Protein backbone atom coordinates (compact mmCIF):
# COMPACT_ATOMS: atom_id res chain seq x y z
CA MET A 1 0.01 -0.59 0.00
CA PRO A 2 1.35 3.73 -0.27
CA ASP A 3 2.31 6.22 2.25
CA TRP A 4 -0.44 7.88 2.24
CA THR A 5 -2.86 5.08 3.22
CA TYR A 6 -0.42 3.09 5.05
CA HIS A 7 0.28 6.09 7.95
CA PRO A 8 -2.92 7.46 7.60
CA LEU A 9 -5.13 4.35 8.36
CA ARG A 10 -2.05 2.50 10.33
CA GLY A 11 -3.26 3.23 12.96
CA LEU A 12 -6.87 2.00 12.54
CA ALA A 13 -5.57 -1.38 11.21
CA ALA A 14 -3.69 -2.30 14.49
CA ALA A 15 -6.37 -1.33 16.82
CA ALA A 16 -8.59 -3.28 14.60
CA VAL A 17 -6.00 -6.14 14.58
CA GLY A 18 -3.10 -5.86 15.93
CA ARG A 19 0.14 -4.12 15.14
CA ARG A 20 2.32 -6.77 13.74
CA ARG A 21 -0.33 -8.99 12.22
CA SER A 22 -1.34 -5.11 10.77
CA GLN A 23 2.25 -5.29 10.03
CA ARG A 24 1.99 -8.73 7.98
CA THR A 25 -0.57 -8.51 6.31
CA ALA A 26 -0.13 -5.24 4.51
CA LEU A 27 3.80 -6.98 3.15
CA ARG A 28 1.87 -10.38 2.40
CA LEU A 29 -0.38 -8.34 0.69
CA LEU A 30 1.89 -6.05 -1.61
CA ALA A 31 3.71 -9.68 -2.23
CA SER A 32 0.76 -11.13 -3.19
CA ILE A 33 -0.07 -9.10 -5.62
CA GLY A 34 3.98 -8.03 -6.95
CA SER A 35 4.40 -11.59 -7.48
CA ARG A 36 2.18 -11.33 -10.57
CA PRO A 37 3.95 -9.10 -13.31
CA ALA A 38 0.82 -7.88 -14.22
CA GLY A 39 0.41 -6.54 -9.75
CA ALA A 40 4.25 -5.29 -9.98
CA ARG A 41 2.97 -3.29 -12.68
CA LEU A 42 0.47 -2.39 -10.68
CA ILE A 43 1.97 -1.54 -7.82
CA ALA A 44 4.87 -0.24 -9.57
CA ARG A 45 3.19 2.46 -11.79
CA GLY A 46 -0.15 3.05 -9.06
CA PHE A 47 2.92 4.28 -7.24
CA GLY A 48 4.25 7.01 -8.85
CA HIS A 49 7.13 4.53 -9.08
CA ARG A 50 9.66 5.29 -12.52
CA HIS A 51 12.75 3.83 -13.62
CA PRO A 52 16.20 5.20 -11.28
CA PRO A 53 18.83 6.24 -13.44
CA GLU A 54 22.40 5.07 -14.57
CA ARG A 55 24.29 6.43 -12.42
CA LEU A 56 22.60 4.18 -9.41
CA ALA A 57 23.05 0.99 -10.90
CA GLY A 58 26.02 -0.82 -9.82
CA GLU A 59 25.90 -4.59 -8.00
CA ILE A 60 26.60 -6.73 -4.99
CA ALA A 61 29.45 -9.76 -4.44
CA GLY A 62 30.02 -9.46 -8.56
CA VAL A 63 25.47 -9.12 -9.26
CA PRO A 64 24.69 -6.25 -11.34
CA VAL A 65 21.51 -4.48 -9.88
CA THR A 66 19.61 -1.68 -11.03
CA VAL A 67 19.43 0.20 -8.39
CA ARG A 68 22.57 0.04 -5.26
CA LEU A 69 19.56 0.69 -3.18
CA GLY A 70 17.81 -2.75 -1.14
CA ILE A 71 16.91 -4.41 1.92
CA SER A 72 17.93 -6.92 4.09
CA VAL A 73 15.18 -8.99 5.74
CA PRO A 74 15.48 -12.05 7.82
CA PRO A 75 14.77 -16.01 6.34
CA SER A 76 11.80 -16.25 7.92
CA LEU A 77 10.22 -12.44 6.31
CA ALA A 78 11.88 -13.24 2.46
CA ARG A 79 9.40 -15.14 0.99
CA GLU A 80 7.08 -11.42 0.70
CA ALA A 81 10.31 -9.32 0.35
CA VAL A 82 11.42 -11.08 -2.40
CA ARG A 83 7.31 -10.68 -4.06
CA ALA A 84 7.51 -7.40 -2.41
CA MET A 85 9.87 -5.45 -2.67
CA HIS A 86 11.52 -4.62 -6.54
CA PRO A 87 7.82 -2.82 -7.16
CA LEU A 88 8.25 -0.50 -4.19
CA GLY A 89 12.06 0.40 -6.16
CA ALA A 90 13.97 -2.04 -4.13
CA GLY A 91 16.86 -3.31 -6.39
CA VAL A 92 18.12 -6.43 -4.11
CA VAL A 93 17.22 -8.31 -0.62
CA GLU A 94 19.30 -9.84 1.00
CA VAL A 95 18.40 -12.44 3.70
CA ALA A 96 20.69 -12.65 6.08
CA PRO A 97 21.77 -13.79 8.56
CA VAL A 98 21.07 -17.58 6.69
CA SER A 99 22.11 -20.58 8.80
CA ALA A 100 22.05 -23.83 7.56
CA ALA A 101 18.45 -24.79 8.82
CA ASP A 102 17.01 -21.83 6.90
CA ALA A 103 18.28 -23.10 3.81
CA GLU A 104 14.93 -24.26 2.55
CA THR A 105 13.43 -21.26 4.05
CA VAL A 106 15.04 -19.23 1.70
CA ARG A 107 15.20 -21.78 -1.34
CA GLN A 108 11.76 -21.55 -1.56
CA ALA A 109 11.20 -17.38 -0.94
CA ALA A 110 14.14 -16.92 -3.84
CA ALA A 111 12.52 -19.57 -6.12
CA GLY A 112 10.79 -17.57 -9.36
CA ARG A 113 12.28 -13.87 -8.37
CA SER A 114 12.27 -11.02 -10.62
CA ILE A 115 14.89 -9.09 -7.98
CA PRO A 116 18.19 -10.22 -7.38
CA VAL A 117 18.63 -11.86 -3.75
CA VAL A 118 21.68 -12.59 -1.92
CA ALA A 119 22.41 -14.46 1.25
CA ARG A 120 24.64 -13.66 4.25
CA VAL A 121 25.36 -17.32 5.54
CA CYS A 122 26.83 -18.35 8.63
CA ASP A 123 28.63 -21.41 7.96
CA PRO A 124 29.91 -23.08 4.95
CA GLU A 125 26.95 -26.05 5.42
CA ALA A 126 24.27 -22.79 4.89
CA GLU A 127 26.31 -21.22 1.59
CA ALA A 128 26.35 -25.09 0.31
CA ALA A 129 23.23 -25.05 0.01
CA LEU A 130 22.09 -22.25 -1.77
CA THR A 131 25.13 -21.94 -4.11
CA SER A 132 22.34 -23.22 -7.32
CA HIS A 133 19.67 -20.55 -5.60
CA VAL A 134 20.41 -17.12 -4.86
CA ASP A 135 22.43 -14.70 -7.06
CA GLY A 136 25.44 -14.55 -4.57
CA PHE A 137 26.50 -14.48 -0.85
CA THR A 138 27.66 -11.61 1.26
CA SER A 139 29.34 -10.52 4.18
CA SER A 140 29.38 -9.02 7.33
CA GLY A 141 32.78 -7.13 6.21
CA ASP A 142 32.38 -5.69 3.59
CA PRO A 143 32.90 -2.45 3.61
CA HIS A 144 31.10 -0.90 -0.04
CA VAL A 145 27.79 -2.55 1.91
CA VAL A 146 25.72 0.03 4.21
CA GLN A 147 23.19 -1.22 6.68
CA VAL A 148 20.75 1.46 7.40
CA SER A 149 18.22 1.98 10.37
CA ASP A 150 17.59 5.31 10.15
CA PRO A 151 14.40 6.12 8.17
CA SER A 152 16.68 9.66 6.99
CA VAL A 153 15.69 9.80 3.57
CA THR A 154 18.61 12.39 3.36
CA ALA A 155 21.41 9.97 4.72
CA ALA A 156 20.75 7.04 2.46
CA ALA A 157 20.98 9.27 -0.20
CA ALA A 158 24.16 10.38 0.42
CA ALA A 159 25.34 7.45 1.31
CA LEU A 160 24.84 6.15 -2.24
CA GLU A 161 27.05 9.51 -3.33
CA GLU A 162 29.91 6.67 -2.33
CA PRO A 163 30.51 4.96 -5.95
CA GLY A 164 30.10 1.35 -5.63
CA ALA A 165 28.46 1.88 -2.46
CA ILE A 166 25.02 -0.79 -2.02
CA VAL A 167 22.58 0.74 0.79
CA LEU A 168 21.09 -2.02 2.76
CA ALA A 169 17.92 -0.46 4.94
CA ARG A 170 16.94 -2.91 8.09
CA PRO A 171 12.87 -3.63 8.01
CA GLU A 172 12.14 -1.26 10.41
CA VAL A 173 13.07 1.96 8.56
CA LEU A 174 9.94 1.07 5.70
CA VAL A 175 7.60 0.33 9.27
CA GLU A 176 8.39 3.75 10.44
CA ALA A 177 8.95 5.33 6.71
CA GLY A 178 6.17 3.47 4.71
CA PRO A 179 6.47 2.06 1.84
CA GLY A 180 7.52 5.05 -0.29
CA TRP A 181 10.76 4.67 1.20
CA PHE A 182 13.18 3.40 -1.73
CA ALA A 183 11.52 5.84 -4.31
CA ARG A 184 11.71 8.71 -2.24
CA VAL A 185 15.41 7.84 -1.52
CA THR A 186 16.04 7.01 -5.27
CA GLU A 187 14.52 10.97 -5.99
CA ALA A 188 16.62 12.32 -4.02
CA ALA A 189 20.07 10.58 -5.24
CA THR A 190 19.03 11.75 -8.55
CA PRO A 191 21.57 14.17 -10.02
CA THR A 192 19.19 17.07 -11.92
CA ALA A 193 19.72 20.35 -13.19
CA PRO A 194 18.08 23.82 -13.60
CA ALA A 195 14.99 24.01 -14.80
CA PRO A 196 14.51 25.84 -18.47
CA ARG A 197 13.48 29.40 -18.32
CA LEU A 198 10.72 31.43 -20.63
CA ARG A 199 14.32 33.08 -22.83
CA ASN A 200 14.98 29.18 -23.68
CA VAL A 201 11.53 28.32 -25.47
CA GLY A 202 12.40 29.64 -28.61
CA ARG A 203 10.55 31.12 -31.55
CA ASP A 204 10.48 28.28 -33.40
CA PRO A 205 7.53 26.15 -33.29
CA ARG A 206 9.44 22.66 -34.88
CA ARG A 207 11.43 23.63 -31.49
CA TRP A 208 9.05 24.41 -28.45
CA PRO A 209 9.34 22.32 -25.87
CA ALA A 210 6.47 19.77 -24.76
CA TRP A 211 6.13 22.05 -21.16
CA TRP A 212 5.43 25.09 -23.31
CA TRP A 213 3.16 23.03 -25.85
CA ALA A 214 1.03 21.45 -22.87
CA LEU A 215 1.01 25.09 -20.99
CA LEU A 216 -0.95 26.44 -24.31
CA VAL A 217 -3.85 23.78 -23.78
CA GLY A 218 -3.58 25.00 -20.32
CA LEU A 219 -4.08 28.79 -21.21
CA GLY A 220 -6.26 27.07 -23.62
CA MET A 221 -8.96 25.98 -21.70
CA THR A 222 -8.48 28.57 -18.78
CA GLY A 223 -9.76 30.97 -21.79
CA ALA A 224 -12.08 28.63 -23.09
CA GLY A 225 -13.58 28.15 -19.95
CA LEU A 226 -13.22 32.57 -19.20
CA GLY A 227 -15.67 32.36 -22.38
CA ALA A 228 -18.44 30.10 -21.76
CA ALA A 229 -19.04 31.87 -18.73
CA ALA A 230 -19.01 34.92 -20.25
CA ILE A 231 -21.50 34.12 -22.52
CA THR A 232 -23.62 32.71 -19.68
CA LEU A 233 -24.04 35.39 -18.05
CA GLY A 234 -24.36 37.43 -21.76
CA PRO A 235 -26.65 36.18 -24.39
CA VAL A 236 -26.34 32.96 -23.20
CA LEU A 237 -27.68 31.19 -26.03
CA LEU A 238 -25.86 32.03 -29.32
CA TRP A 239 -27.45 32.34 -33.00
CA TYR A 240 -26.33 28.90 -33.51
CA ASP A 241 -28.21 27.25 -30.35
CA ARG A 242 -31.30 29.75 -31.22
CA ASP A 243 -31.16 28.64 -35.03
CA TYR A 244 -31.06 24.86 -33.27
CA LEU A 245 -34.01 25.43 -31.07
CA GLY A 246 -35.92 27.51 -32.71
CA MET A 247 -36.28 29.59 -29.71
CA THR A 248 -35.22 32.70 -28.49
CA LEU A 249 -34.21 33.35 -24.44
CA HIS A 250 -37.67 35.14 -24.60
CA ASP A 251 -39.58 32.04 -25.29
CA LEU A 252 -37.99 29.58 -23.51
CA HIS A 253 -38.36 31.90 -20.11
CA ALA A 254 -42.26 31.67 -21.47
CA ALA A 255 -42.28 28.73 -21.70
CA ASN A 256 -40.82 27.41 -18.32
CA HIS A 257 -39.72 30.43 -16.21
CA HIS A 258 -36.90 28.73 -14.18
CA LEU A 259 -35.48 27.32 -17.28
CA VAL A 260 -33.27 29.56 -18.47
CA HIS A 261 -31.82 29.53 -15.21
CA PHE A 262 -31.53 26.23 -15.11
CA LEU A 263 -29.13 26.42 -18.35
CA GLN A 264 -27.12 28.56 -16.92
CA HIS A 265 -26.47 27.13 -13.81
CA ASP A 266 -25.73 23.72 -16.46
CA ARG A 267 -23.47 25.72 -17.78
CA ILE A 268 -21.55 27.47 -15.43
CA THR A 269 -20.93 24.87 -13.25
CA MET A 270 -19.05 22.95 -16.79
CA ALA A 271 -17.73 26.24 -17.17
CA GLY A 272 -15.59 26.54 -14.19
CA THR A 273 -14.76 22.86 -14.85
CA MET A 274 -13.03 23.66 -17.83
CA VAL A 275 -10.91 26.75 -15.59
CA ALA A 276 -10.07 23.86 -13.61
CA ILE A 277 -8.66 21.45 -15.96
CA GLY A 278 -6.90 24.95 -17.51
CA ALA A 279 -5.47 25.55 -13.84
CA LEU A 280 -4.65 21.63 -13.45
CA TYR A 281 -2.53 21.58 -17.13
CA THR A 282 -0.98 25.04 -16.39
CA GLY A 283 0.80 23.51 -12.97
CA LEU A 284 1.49 20.24 -14.17
CA ALA A 285 3.04 22.20 -17.14
CA VAL A 286 5.09 24.43 -15.54
CA GLY A 287 4.94 22.41 -12.04
CA GLY A 288 5.82 18.83 -12.88
CA ILE A 289 6.71 18.05 -17.46
CA ARG A 290 8.64 21.62 -17.36
CA ARG A 291 10.83 20.28 -14.18
CA GLY A 292 11.37 16.70 -15.44
CA TRP A 293 8.49 14.85 -12.88
CA PRO A 294 7.85 11.84 -15.30
CA TRP A 295 4.35 11.16 -13.73
CA ALA A 296 3.34 15.16 -14.59
CA ARG A 297 3.53 14.24 -18.40
CA GLU A 298 0.82 10.20 -17.67
CA VAL A 299 -1.33 12.89 -15.54
CA TYR A 300 -1.15 15.45 -17.97
CA LEU A 301 -1.83 12.53 -20.95
CA LEU A 302 -4.80 10.29 -18.44
CA SER A 303 -6.60 13.10 -17.81
CA GLY A 304 -6.67 14.40 -21.85
CA VAL A 305 -7.65 10.27 -23.54
CA ILE A 306 -10.69 11.22 -20.83
CA GLY A 307 -11.71 15.10 -21.35
CA PHE A 308 -11.26 14.93 -26.16
CA PRO A 309 -13.54 12.33 -26.69
CA THR A 310 -16.19 13.67 -24.64
CA LEU A 311 -16.79 15.67 -28.16
CA PHE A 312 -18.25 12.91 -29.21
CA TYR A 313 -21.17 12.78 -26.81
CA PHE A 314 -23.51 14.46 -29.76
CA LEU A 315 -23.29 10.61 -31.47
CA ALA A 316 -25.67 10.47 -28.76
CA THR A 317 -27.11 13.86 -27.71
CA GLY A 318 -27.50 14.91 -31.67
CA PHE A 319 -26.56 18.67 -30.35
CA VAL A 320 -22.93 19.67 -31.72
CA GLU A 321 -22.10 22.79 -30.42
CA PRO A 322 -19.73 24.65 -32.95
CA LEU A 323 -17.73 26.44 -30.25
CA HIS A 324 -17.27 23.44 -28.64
CA THR A 325 -15.85 21.54 -31.25
CA ALA A 326 -13.54 24.42 -33.23
CA THR A 327 -11.90 24.60 -29.62
CA THR A 328 -11.44 21.07 -29.63
CA ILE A 329 -10.20 21.05 -32.89
CA ALA A 330 -7.54 24.01 -31.92
CA LEU A 331 -6.48 22.41 -28.99
CA PHE A 332 -5.74 18.17 -29.31
CA PRO A 333 -2.67 18.96 -31.40
CA MET A 334 -1.34 20.76 -29.12
CA PHE A 335 -1.84 18.37 -26.67
CA VAL A 336 -0.70 16.00 -28.81
CA ALA A 337 2.51 17.82 -29.61
CA ALA A 338 2.85 17.99 -25.49
CA VAL A 339 2.60 14.64 -24.86
CA ARG A 340 4.92 12.99 -28.32
CA ARG A 341 7.79 15.51 -27.12
CA THR A 342 11.04 14.01 -25.52
CA PRO A 343 10.31 14.80 -21.61
CA HIS A 344 13.04 16.29 -20.22
CA ALA A 345 16.03 15.24 -18.23
CA PRO A 346 15.44 15.21 -14.62
CA ARG A 347 15.34 19.07 -13.53
CA TRP A 348 13.65 19.14 -9.98
CA ARG A 349 14.30 20.78 -6.73
CA LEU A 350 13.18 18.91 -3.77
CA ALA A 351 12.91 20.42 -0.54
CA PRO A 352 15.15 19.27 3.12
CA GLU A 353 13.58 16.43 5.27
CA GLY A 354 10.95 18.56 7.61
CA PRO A 355 9.63 16.64 10.97
CA GLU A 356 8.11 13.45 10.63
CA PRO A 357 5.13 15.21 12.11
CA GLU A 358 4.77 17.05 9.52
CA ARG A 359 4.75 14.70 6.77
CA ARG A 360 2.25 12.30 8.26
CA ARG A 361 -0.90 15.01 8.35
CA ALA A 362 0.55 15.56 4.92
CA LEU A 363 -0.30 12.27 3.99
CA VAL A 364 -3.38 12.65 6.01
CA GLY A 365 -4.16 15.63 3.51
CA GLN A 366 -3.31 13.53 0.68
CA LEU A 367 -5.89 10.52 1.18
CA LEU A 368 -8.18 13.55 1.23
CA LEU A 369 -7.57 14.71 -2.04
CA ILE A 370 -7.25 11.29 -3.63
CA VAL A 371 -10.53 10.70 -2.12
CA THR A 372 -11.86 13.45 -3.67
CA GLY A 373 -10.91 13.41 -7.00
CA ALA A 374 -12.55 10.20 -6.67
CA GLY A 375 -15.69 10.94 -5.70
CA LEU A 376 -15.38 13.15 -8.32
CA PHE A 377 -15.24 11.08 -11.17
CA VAL A 378 -17.56 9.02 -10.07
CA GLY A 379 -19.94 11.82 -10.04
CA GLY A 380 -19.26 12.52 -13.83
CA ALA A 381 -19.34 9.15 -14.29
CA VAL A 382 -22.97 9.13 -13.31
CA ILE A 383 -23.54 12.96 -14.86
CA SER A 384 -22.58 11.60 -18.49
CA VAL A 385 -25.20 8.38 -17.99
CA VAL A 386 -28.16 10.50 -17.11
CA GLY A 387 -26.90 12.81 -19.38
CA LEU A 388 -27.06 11.12 -22.17
CA THR A 389 -29.99 8.94 -21.09
CA GLY A 390 -32.81 10.35 -18.68
CA VAL A 391 -30.88 13.90 -18.45
CA PHE A 392 -32.64 14.70 -15.55
CA VAL A 393 -32.36 13.71 -11.88
CA PRO A 394 -35.67 14.20 -9.73
CA THR A 395 -34.41 17.56 -8.36
CA ASP A 396 -33.51 19.18 -10.80
CA LEU A 397 -37.76 18.62 -12.56
CA ALA A 398 -38.98 19.43 -9.31
CA PHE A 399 -37.15 23.05 -9.31
CA LEU A 400 -37.64 23.30 -12.97
CA GLY A 401 -41.57 22.33 -11.66
CA THR A 402 -41.90 20.15 -14.52
CA SER A 403 -41.79 16.81 -16.39
CA ALA A 404 -38.57 15.44 -19.68
CA GLN A 405 -42.07 15.05 -21.46
CA THR A 406 -44.00 18.45 -20.93
CA LEU A 407 -40.16 20.22 -21.72
CA GLU A 408 -40.08 17.77 -25.09
CA THR A 409 -43.71 19.36 -25.72
CA VAL A 410 -41.86 23.11 -26.29
CA SER A 411 -39.42 22.02 -28.44
CA PRO A 412 -38.58 18.05 -29.67
CA ARG A 413 -34.60 19.97 -29.28
CA LEU A 414 -34.93 21.36 -26.07
CA VAL A 415 -33.82 17.80 -24.12
CA PRO A 416 -30.89 16.77 -26.23
CA PHE A 417 -30.08 20.21 -26.25
CA ILE A 418 -29.50 20.54 -21.51
CA ALA A 419 -28.30 16.78 -22.44
CA HIS A 420 -25.52 18.24 -24.12
CA ASP A 421 -24.45 20.54 -21.62
CA ARG A 422 -25.12 17.99 -19.02
CA ALA A 423 -22.98 14.99 -20.75
CA GLY A 424 -20.08 17.51 -21.47
CA PHE A 425 -19.92 18.76 -18.00
CA GLY A 426 -19.65 15.06 -16.80
CA GLY A 427 -16.95 14.56 -19.04
CA ALA A 428 -15.17 17.77 -18.41
CA LEU A 429 -15.39 16.28 -14.57
CA MET A 430 -14.80 13.88 -15.09
CA ALA A 431 -11.50 14.46 -17.08
CA ALA A 432 -10.43 17.21 -14.14
CA ALA A 433 -11.09 14.71 -11.72
CA VAL A 434 -8.09 11.94 -12.93
CA ALA A 435 -5.40 15.11 -12.59
CA ILE A 436 -6.81 16.00 -9.20
CA VAL A 437 -6.06 11.95 -7.99
CA LEU A 438 -3.32 10.95 -9.80
CA LEU A 439 -1.54 15.27 -9.09
CA SER A 440 -1.86 14.18 -5.15
CA ALA A 441 -1.00 10.34 -5.64
CA TRP A 442 2.34 11.47 -7.48
CA GLY A 443 2.96 15.37 -6.66
CA TRP A 444 3.14 15.46 -3.26
CA ARG A 445 6.75 15.72 -1.56
CA ARG A 446 8.23 18.48 0.48
CA GLY A 447 8.24 22.45 -0.93
CA GLU A 448 7.01 21.97 -4.10
CA ALA A 449 4.24 24.81 -3.88
CA TRP A 450 3.30 24.21 -7.01
CA VAL A 451 1.10 20.88 -6.41
CA PHE A 452 -0.60 23.11 -3.36
CA TRP A 453 -1.78 26.00 -5.58
CA THR A 454 -2.58 24.02 -8.58
CA LEU A 455 -5.05 22.50 -6.78
CA VAL A 456 -6.51 25.42 -4.89
CA ALA A 457 -7.14 26.71 -8.14
CA ALA A 458 -8.85 24.00 -9.35
CA ALA A 459 -10.96 24.15 -5.94
CA ALA A 460 -11.72 27.64 -6.39
CA ALA A 461 -12.39 27.13 -10.24
CA GLY A 462 -14.78 24.19 -10.06
CA PHE A 463 -16.52 24.75 -6.19
CA LEU A 464 -17.07 28.88 -5.96
CA PRO A 465 -19.00 29.37 -9.33
CA ALA A 466 -21.23 25.68 -8.37
CA VAL A 467 -22.08 26.93 -4.99
CA VAL A 468 -22.61 30.70 -6.68
CA VAL A 469 -24.67 30.12 -9.24
CA HIS A 470 -26.66 27.45 -7.11
CA GLY A 471 -27.48 30.42 -4.54
CA ALA A 472 -28.25 32.53 -7.58
CA ILE A 473 -31.38 31.28 -8.81
CA HIS A 474 -32.34 29.84 -5.98
CA TYR A 475 -31.81 25.63 -6.35
CA LEU A 476 -30.71 25.32 -3.30
CA ASP A 477 -31.97 21.38 -2.64
CA PHE A 478 -30.03 19.98 0.06
CA ILE A 479 -29.67 16.26 -1.62
CA HIS A 480 -28.54 18.01 -5.11
CA LEU A 481 -25.44 20.41 -3.37
CA ALA A 482 -24.40 17.64 -0.27
CA PRO A 483 -21.57 16.23 -2.91
CA VAL A 484 -20.38 19.70 -3.35
CA TYR A 485 -20.71 20.40 0.20
CA PHE A 486 -18.52 17.15 1.13
CA GLY A 487 -16.00 18.17 -1.31
CA ILE A 488 -15.00 21.56 -0.37
CA ALA A 489 -15.07 20.31 3.12
CA MET A 490 -12.31 17.44 2.28
CA THR A 491 -10.20 19.60 -0.19
CA GLY A 492 -9.90 22.35 1.61
CA THR A 493 -9.11 20.34 5.26
CA GLY A 494 -6.91 17.74 2.73
CA LEU A 495 -4.83 21.71 1.48
CA LEU A 496 -4.80 22.67 4.78
CA LEU A 497 -2.95 19.50 6.71
CA ALA A 498 -1.15 19.91 3.94
CA ARG A 499 0.00 23.14 3.63
CA PRO A 500 3.13 23.31 5.43
CA TYR A 501 4.53 20.10 4.04
CA LEU A 502 3.62 21.48 0.31
CA CYS A 503 4.78 25.08 0.81
CA ALA A 504 8.46 24.45 2.49
CA ARG A 505 11.41 26.48 1.25
CA ALA A 506 13.35 24.02 -1.55
CA SER A 507 16.53 23.28 -1.68
CA ALA A 508 18.89 26.25 -2.99
CA ARG A 509 19.85 24.62 -6.36
CA PRO A 510 19.57 21.55 -7.99
CA LYS A 511 21.89 18.80 -7.27
CA ASP A 512 24.33 18.59 -9.34
């Protein structure tokens, strides 16, 4: 499990089943999932772990390892460690001390391994029994092997600076620090360069970097959202809306005096969500992709893969909105350019380690943001389905004081027109939710203030217009607005808990 569930929930788990049993259960669960190739990839990708830099590769006892960072466990934990540690970012598992009586346990643990396994044996009989079953043997006097029992990321990263040094953590390190310790040490030990500046972009679009294209998409989404809000607060209907409906704004008001306000409420929430997506993409471009975070491009890509295809909702609603189509056609090539361009080398700056209570509070905040994002995704999916099928929920019809059948008698195109707005809002909400979940899951690091401000901007753009417009039109049904209130409470609490951690001062310069 990731740190954002391990630390916030470990107290509850310990109270329910006991501290030792909860720890072994967590390790066995990771081992069970990690023992399967698909499960190992799921853990590695889901936790945001990426390939370590080549400079961290090396060898231990003559055995090549992709990263000179691993764990030293007793034989009783060997089976679970061999299966769980590789997807968490470890490069080697040392089993120690191993006696002849432990040989069979170690043989079974090493069978089918996907990570180098070395043993530190106590006697020649154990070495003879394991020669053909493990990758090598270590000795207690090896000067290149650094055993660490302190969960300090800084100390472990400093030890890796020594050429040829192998850092092996004891089990209590992961118990105290959490499963993300290997990834945090690897990032701290990764050499970085200064991030590119605006003046480095140049004027030739053929040479524009990925982050610049991603930034243009973010700014374009923000502008499109603000434009949609201006239209909604002004004329409400454009010429093509009136042509499609065969009705004017006056006609709509005459048919149902709540109908124009209902259209405005749908479109303002959609516009706010578009601005939120723009804020998320802008933050990912400038704070993430520009600085070489490999996960930032993936967040941007997965969100866009959800958002852009929602243009084709018109196949179900029957209404093609020209401005929506034009915006998509203009932004999609930029989106493709952003995800196709070669990503930057590491250019981030990590803040020094701070107080552990600060990190623990931030992990609770991280969990709250991820849960909120997941809830928004489910909500967006439900809204999309409703928009493409029944269109209205009971509280909508209660506000309008009418039925869908009555609205269809006003104009056969009125319900499909509303369905387009509603389904489009659901699709945009899903795209924003994916970005919120993955940014919160993968971007939570001390000193990454851009993550905090990106989420603040997205939350303000998404929640504030929704609350204001519902109040302005007196659509105040508590059940209808309960998810919004819950989202605001969860997001606000999560960001308050995480602010000292995310907004901590970063180191003065990148590591050379």
